[in-house]
Amino acid sequence: MFHPMRRTLSILAIGGLLCAPAVLLTGCFGSDESKGEDPTAAMGALLAGNTTEDKVDAISPYLDATNDYNRHIVTFDYALTPSLEDMRSGKRMTYVSLPHFSELKKTLEEARANPKTAGVYKDIDAEADAVLAILKDLAPLSEKMESYYSSKGYLADDYAAGTQMIAQYLPLYDAFEPAYDKFDAAVTTHFKEVQLARLEDMRKEGRVNAEAFLELNMKVRELADMLDQEQIDNAAAEAKIAEINALVPKVPDIPSLATYKSSLNRFIGTFRSYVAGQEDGNEVVDDFNDFVRSSSNLDLAELDKKK
């Protein structure tokens, strides 16, 4: 099954690409200068969703939802795609593999109920609501189908209920896919905006190491996004790799980034092999996602600590 490349590439919601792990979020954003701000003005900015912290808080639950769902459909595509093809072909099925619609419904409902997400990204909220409107029927139906096939209900009714449920499932699934894709695209777009906002924060605060780290991650993602192109421009890819390599020495070697640079080199090597026709695209995606995970325990504040 074809999935847009952004669905296969991990986004680190609370880790190195945005901030520290959740337990370290307090005090991670903003400079010391903000401590003297007028409390009324600061509260007004917060309520309006104007601070970088506010934007991170607003988008993180949605990133969690898309990361979890995308990771599952990519990891289990080997089972999900054949099941969908069998349903479309009218085959009498004895087994079904379906996406985790109920988990997605739960995480999206939690995101929509989270007061920190409300109204900050109105387009994401609207797209999430559109997805939830479909999941209202699709999630319970998928659970019913999984129960039916795992209990071999088809042996008791000669596939009658299964045939009926598949007839209900396919139009719901076909409505879900474009709705989810719009939601996923909106989340990805705003995530990139938050990255730029964080980068600007680092520059204003004079946090040169954190700035280099964020900029490096953004450029690595830009390189990975080239995988969406039907024909990758090798010269453009090498130019991007040169930009990445120029930033690598600016990122300090600290324990929480122990495998960061080696993971980056491995991804670049696999990417080059893919461009040369010597590597499978899934390997490139896996190495990119490994690279993302290599900074999952980073607290950005570590990068500019004075020794």
Protein backbone atom coordinates (compact mmCIF):
# COMPACT_ATOMS: atom_id res chain seq x y z
CA MET A 1 0.00 0.00 0.00
CA PHE A 2 1.33 3.47 -0.84
CA HIS A 3 1.76 5.84 2.07
CA PRO A 4 3.00 9.43 1.76
CA MET A 5 6.65 9.55 2.84
CA ARG A 6 5.84 11.75 5.84
CA ARG A 7 3.84 8.83 7.28
CA THR A 8 6.92 6.59 7.27
CA LEU A 9 9.33 9.07 8.83
CA SER A 10 9.28 9.49 12.59
CA ILE A 11 8.70 12.87 14.17
CA LEU A 12 10.06 13.34 17.66
CA ALA A 13 7.27 15.16 19.45
CA ILE A 14 8.83 15.87 22.83
CA GLY A 15 12.40 14.77 22.28
CA GLY A 16 15.41 16.33 20.65
CA LEU A 17 13.70 17.97 17.70
CA LEU A 18 11.48 20.11 19.88
CA CYS A 19 12.49 19.97 23.49
CA ALA A 20 13.41 17.62 26.28
CA PRO A 21 11.44 14.57 27.40
CA ALA A 22 8.12 15.41 29.00
CA VAL A 23 9.48 15.29 32.55
CA LEU A 24 11.98 17.99 31.61
CA LEU A 25 9.61 20.35 29.84
CA THR A 26 9.48 22.84 32.69
CA GLY A 27 11.84 25.70 31.99
CA CYS A 28 12.94 24.27 28.66
CA PHE A 29 11.60 27.13 26.59
CA GLY A 30 12.24 30.84 26.63
CA SER A 31 15.09 32.94 27.94
CA ASP A 32 15.75 34.29 31.39
CA GLU A 33 14.72 37.72 30.14
CA SER A 34 11.09 36.57 30.01
CA LYS A 35 10.99 36.29 33.80
CA GLY A 36 10.51 40.04 34.11
CA GLU A 37 7.57 40.28 31.74
CA ASP A 38 4.29 41.79 32.77
CA PRO A 39 2.19 38.82 34.02
CA THR A 40 -0.95 40.09 32.29
CA ALA A 41 0.82 40.39 28.94
CA ALA A 42 2.41 36.99 29.36
CA MET A 43 -0.94 35.39 30.16
CA GLY A 44 -2.52 37.08 27.16
CA ALA A 45 0.15 35.69 24.87
CA LEU A 46 -0.30 32.24 26.36
CA LEU A 47 -4.05 32.27 25.89
CA ALA A 48 -3.65 33.44 22.31
CA GLY A 49 -1.24 30.61 21.56
CA ASN A 50 1.54 33.05 20.70
CA THR A 51 4.44 31.53 22.62
CA THR A 52 6.60 28.74 21.30
CA GLU A 53 5.87 26.74 24.45
CA ASP A 54 2.16 27.06 23.78
CA LYS A 55 2.55 25.88 20.20
CA VAL A 56 4.59 22.87 21.31
CA ASP A 57 1.98 21.98 23.93
CA ALA A 58 -0.74 22.31 21.30
CA ILE A 59 0.86 20.18 18.60
CA SER A 60 2.48 17.47 20.72
CA PRO A 61 -0.71 15.43 21.36
CA TYR A 62 -1.41 15.42 17.63
CA LEU A 63 2.16 14.37 16.88
CA ASP A 64 1.79 11.50 19.33
CA ALA A 65 -1.39 10.40 17.56
CA THR A 66 0.10 10.50 14.06
CA ASN A 67 3.39 8.93 15.11
CA ASP A 68 1.66 5.98 16.75
CA TYR A 69 -0.79 5.39 13.91
CA ASN A 70 1.79 5.86 11.15
CA ARG A 71 4.30 3.61 12.87
CA HIS A 72 1.74 0.81 13.03
CA ILE A 73 0.57 1.00 9.42
CA VAL A 74 4.13 1.06 8.12
CA THR A 75 5.40 -1.70 10.42
CA PHE A 76 2.49 -4.02 9.64
CA ASP A 77 1.95 -3.09 6.01
CA TYR A 78 2.93 -6.65 5.07
CA ALA A 79 -0.33 -7.83 6.71
CA LEU A 80 -2.58 -4.78 6.29
CA THR A 81 -2.23 -4.47 2.51
CA PRO A 82 -3.06 -8.12 1.68
CA SER A 83 -6.12 -7.94 3.95
CA LEU A 84 -7.39 -4.84 2.20
CA GLU A 85 -6.76 -6.38 -1.22
CA ASP A 86 -8.62 -9.54 -0.22
CA MET A 87 -11.58 -7.49 0.98
CA ARG A 88 -11.71 -5.55 -2.28
CA SER A 89 -11.49 -8.72 -4.35
CA GLY A 90 -14.45 -10.31 -2.59
CA LYS A 91 -12.40 -13.23 -1.32
CA ARG A 92 -13.86 -15.34 1.47
CA MET A 93 -11.58 -14.36 4.32
CA THR A 94 -10.59 -16.35 7.39
CA TYR A 95 -8.31 -13.68 8.83
CA VAL A 96 -8.23 -9.90 8.82
CA SER A 97 -5.53 -7.37 9.70
CA LEU A 98 -6.71 -3.80 10.27
CA PRO A 99 -5.11 -0.51 11.31
CA HIS A 100 -5.42 0.50 14.96
CA PHE A 101 -8.44 2.72 14.44
CA SER A 102 -9.65 2.49 18.04
CA GLU A 103 -6.28 3.62 19.41
CA LEU A 104 -6.22 6.52 16.95
CA LYS A 105 -9.76 7.49 17.94
CA LYS A 106 -8.77 7.46 21.62
CA THR A 107 -5.65 9.58 21.15
CA LEU A 108 -7.46 12.09 18.94
CA GLU A 109 -10.31 12.40 21.41
CA GLU A 110 -7.78 13.02 24.17
CA ALA A 111 -6.02 15.62 22.03
CA ARG A 112 -9.28 17.42 21.29
CA ALA A 113 -10.20 17.39 24.99
CA ASN A 114 -6.79 18.76 25.99
CA PRO A 115 -7.22 22.47 26.83
CA LYS A 116 -3.69 23.16 25.59
CA THR A 117 -4.58 22.17 22.03
CA ALA A 118 -7.84 24.08 21.72
CA GLY A 119 -7.82 26.82 19.10
CA VAL A 120 -4.05 27.09 18.63
CA TYR A 121 -4.08 25.27 15.30
CA LYS A 122 -7.64 25.59 14.10
CA ASP A 123 -6.99 23.75 10.85
CA ILE A 124 -5.55 20.75 12.72
CA ASP A 125 -8.53 20.78 15.09
CA ALA A 126 -10.92 20.82 12.13
CA GLU A 127 -9.12 18.02 10.30
CA ALA A 128 -9.00 15.96 13.51
CA ASP A 129 -12.75 16.42 13.90
CA ALA A 130 -13.26 15.24 10.31
CA VAL A 131 -11.23 12.09 11.02
CA LEU A 132 -13.09 11.48 14.28
CA ALA A 133 -16.43 11.76 12.49
CA ILE A 134 -15.43 8.75 10.37
CA LEU A 135 -13.77 6.86 13.21
CA LYS A 136 -17.02 7.05 15.15
CA ASP A 137 -18.28 4.26 12.89
CA LEU A 138 -15.02 2.81 11.59
CA ALA A 139 -13.37 2.07 14.96
CA PRO A 140 -16.18 -0.03 16.48
CA LEU A 141 -16.72 -1.79 13.15
CA SER A 142 -13.04 -2.77 12.94
CA GLU A 143 -13.17 -4.15 16.49
CA LYS A 144 -16.26 -6.16 15.58
CA MET A 145 -14.53 -7.52 12.47
CA GLU A 146 -11.41 -8.52 14.39
CA SER A 147 -13.55 -10.33 16.96
CA TYR A 148 -15.55 -12.08 14.25
CA TYR A 149 -12.50 -13.41 12.41
CA SER A 150 -10.44 -14.29 15.48
CA SER A 151 -13.36 -16.31 16.88
CA LYS A 152 -13.95 -17.89 13.45
CA GLY A 153 -17.51 -16.66 13.33
CA TYR A 154 -17.53 -17.36 9.61
CA LEU A 155 -17.77 -21.08 10.41
CA ALA A 156 -21.08 -20.50 12.17
CA ASP A 157 -22.77 -18.31 9.55
CA ASP A 158 -21.04 -19.30 6.30
CA TYR A 159 -19.29 -15.88 6.05
CA ALA A 160 -22.57 -13.93 6.05
CA ALA A 161 -21.69 -11.42 8.78
CA GLY A 162 -18.16 -11.06 7.44
CA THR A 163 -19.44 -10.20 3.98
CA GLN A 164 -21.81 -7.63 5.45
CA MET A 165 -19.14 -6.00 7.62
CA ILE A 166 -16.67 -5.78 4.74
CA ALA A 167 -19.34 -4.04 2.66
CA GLN A 168 -19.65 -1.47 5.47
CA TYR A 169 -15.90 -1.24 6.07
CA LEU A 170 -14.65 -0.41 2.58
CA PRO A 171 -16.55 2.87 2.02
CA LEU A 172 -15.66 4.01 5.53
CA TYR A 173 -12.00 3.18 4.93
CA ASP A 174 -12.05 4.96 1.58
CA ALA A 175 -13.46 8.06 3.29
CA PHE A 176 -10.96 7.78 6.15
CA GLU A 177 -7.79 7.68 4.05
CA PRO A 178 -8.07 11.16 2.42
CA ALA A 179 -9.40 12.67 5.64
CA TYR A 180 -6.49 11.28 7.64
CA ASP A 181 -4.01 12.34 4.98
CA LYS A 182 -5.23 15.95 5.22
CA PHE A 183 -4.95 15.80 9.00
CA ASP A 184 -1.47 14.25 8.86
CA ALA A 185 -0.31 16.87 6.34
CA ALA A 186 -1.58 19.72 8.52
CA VAL A 187 0.26 18.33 11.56
CA THR A 188 3.48 17.95 9.57
CA THR A 189 3.24 21.50 8.19
CA HIS A 190 2.77 23.07 11.61
CA PHE A 191 5.47 20.87 13.12
CA LYS A 192 7.93 22.40 10.68
CA GLU A 193 6.72 25.86 11.69
CA VAL A 194 7.36 25.02 15.34
CA GLN A 195 10.85 23.86 14.45
CA LEU A 196 11.55 27.23 12.83
CA ALA A 197 10.17 29.03 15.88
CA ARG A 198 12.41 27.01 18.18
CA LEU A 199 15.39 27.75 15.95
CA GLU A 200 14.66 31.48 16.15
CA ASP A 201 14.35 31.20 19.94
CA MET A 202 17.77 29.58 20.13
CA ARG A 203 19.31 32.35 18.02
CA LYS A 204 17.81 35.10 20.14
CA GLU A 205 19.00 33.42 23.32
CA GLY A 206 22.53 32.90 22.00
CA ARG A 207 22.30 29.13 22.47
CA VAL A 208 24.61 28.30 19.59
CA ASN A 209 24.88 24.55 20.22
CA ALA A 210 21.13 24.06 20.50
CA GLU A 211 20.67 26.19 17.40
CA ALA A 212 23.12 24.02 15.46
CA PHE A 213 21.40 20.86 16.69
CA LEU A 214 17.94 22.03 15.64
CA GLU A 215 19.15 23.28 12.27
CA LEU A 216 20.98 20.01 11.66
CA ASN A 217 17.85 17.98 12.39
CA MET A 218 15.79 20.15 10.07
CA LYS A 219 18.26 19.65 7.23
CA VAL A 220 18.37 15.89 7.80
CA ARG A 221 14.58 15.84 7.55
CA GLU A 222 14.78 17.85 4.32
CA LEU A 223 17.14 15.21 2.94
CA ALA A 224 14.77 12.44 4.00
CA ASP A 225 11.83 14.25 2.39
CA MET A 226 13.60 13.84 -0.96
CA LEU A 227 12.55 10.20 -0.80
CA ASP A 228 9.11 11.38 -1.90
CA GLN A 229 10.54 12.41 -5.27
CA GLU A 230 10.11 10.01 -8.16
CA GLN A 231 13.67 10.76 -9.25
CA ILE A 232 16.00 12.16 -6.61
CA ASP A 233 18.29 14.93 -7.84
CA ASN A 234 21.70 13.59 -6.83
CA ALA A 235 23.37 17.01 -6.99
CA ALA A 236 20.69 18.53 -4.75
CA ALA A 237 20.99 15.61 -2.33
CA GLU A 238 24.77 15.96 -2.12
CA ALA A 239 24.42 19.71 -1.58
CA LYS A 240 22.07 19.02 1.34
CA ILE A 241 24.47 16.41 2.74
CA ALA A 242 27.27 19.00 2.56
CA GLU A 243 25.11 21.42 4.58
CA ILE A 244 24.49 18.66 7.13
CA ASN A 245 28.17 17.74 7.39
CA ALA A 246 29.08 21.39 7.95
CA LEU A 247 26.81 21.48 11.01
CA VAL A 248 27.85 18.16 12.56
CA PRO A 249 31.05 19.47 14.23
CA LYS A 250 29.00 22.22 15.91
CA VAL A 251 26.96 19.68 17.89
CA PRO A 252 28.84 18.76 21.09
CA ASP A 253 29.50 15.16 22.07
CA ILE A 254 27.46 14.45 25.20
CA PRO A 255 26.23 11.16 26.71
CA SER A 256 22.60 11.61 25.59
CA LEU A 257 23.83 11.87 21.99
CA ALA A 258 26.18 8.88 22.20
CA THR A 259 24.91 7.27 18.99
CA TYR A 260 23.61 10.42 17.30
CA LYS A 261 26.45 11.10 14.87
CA SER A 262 27.03 7.45 13.99
CA SER A 263 23.29 7.06 13.33
CA LEU A 264 23.40 10.13 11.11
CA ASN A 265 26.33 8.76 9.11
CA ARG A 266 24.56 5.44 8.69
CA PHE A 267 21.42 7.18 7.40
CA ILE A 268 23.43 9.27 4.93
CA GLY A 269 25.23 6.16 3.70
CA THR A 270 21.99 4.24 3.24
CA PHE A 271 20.42 7.24 1.51
CA ARG A 272 23.32 7.42 -0.95
CA SER A 273 23.03 3.68 -1.62
CA TYR A 274 19.33 4.12 -2.31
CA VAL A 275 19.98 6.95 -4.78
CA ALA A 276 22.54 4.71 -6.50
CA GLY A 277 19.94 1.95 -6.79
CA GLN A 278 21.75 -0.31 -4.35
CA GLU A 279 19.42 -0.13 -1.34
CA ASP A 280 15.76 -0.68 -0.55
CA GLY A 281 13.73 2.39 0.43
CA ASN A 282 12.54 0.73 3.62
CA GLU A 283 16.13 0.52 4.86
CA VAL A 284 16.54 4.28 4.37
CA VAL A 285 13.36 4.93 6.33
CA ASP A 286 14.47 2.58 9.12
CA ASP A 287 17.85 4.30 9.39
CA PHE A 288 16.22 7.73 9.46
CA ASN A 289 13.89 6.65 12.24
CA ASP A 290 16.86 5.19 14.14
CA PHE A 291 18.57 8.56 13.76
CA VAL A 292 15.53 10.31 15.24
CA ARG A 293 15.47 7.92 18.19
CA SER A 294 19.18 8.49 18.85
CA SER A 295 18.38 11.90 20.37
CA SER A 296 15.17 10.91 22.15
CA ASN A 297 16.67 11.37 25.62
CA LEU A 298 18.20 14.77 24.95
CA ASP A 299 17.43 17.84 27.02
CA LEU A 300 18.28 20.79 24.77
CA ALA A 301 19.52 22.68 27.81
CA GLU A 302 22.43 20.22 28.03
CA LEU A 303 23.91 21.47 24.78
CA ASP A 304 24.84 24.93 26.04
CA LYS A 305 25.62 24.18 29.66
CA LYS A 306 28.68 26.02 30.89
CA LYS A 307 31.35 23.69 32.16
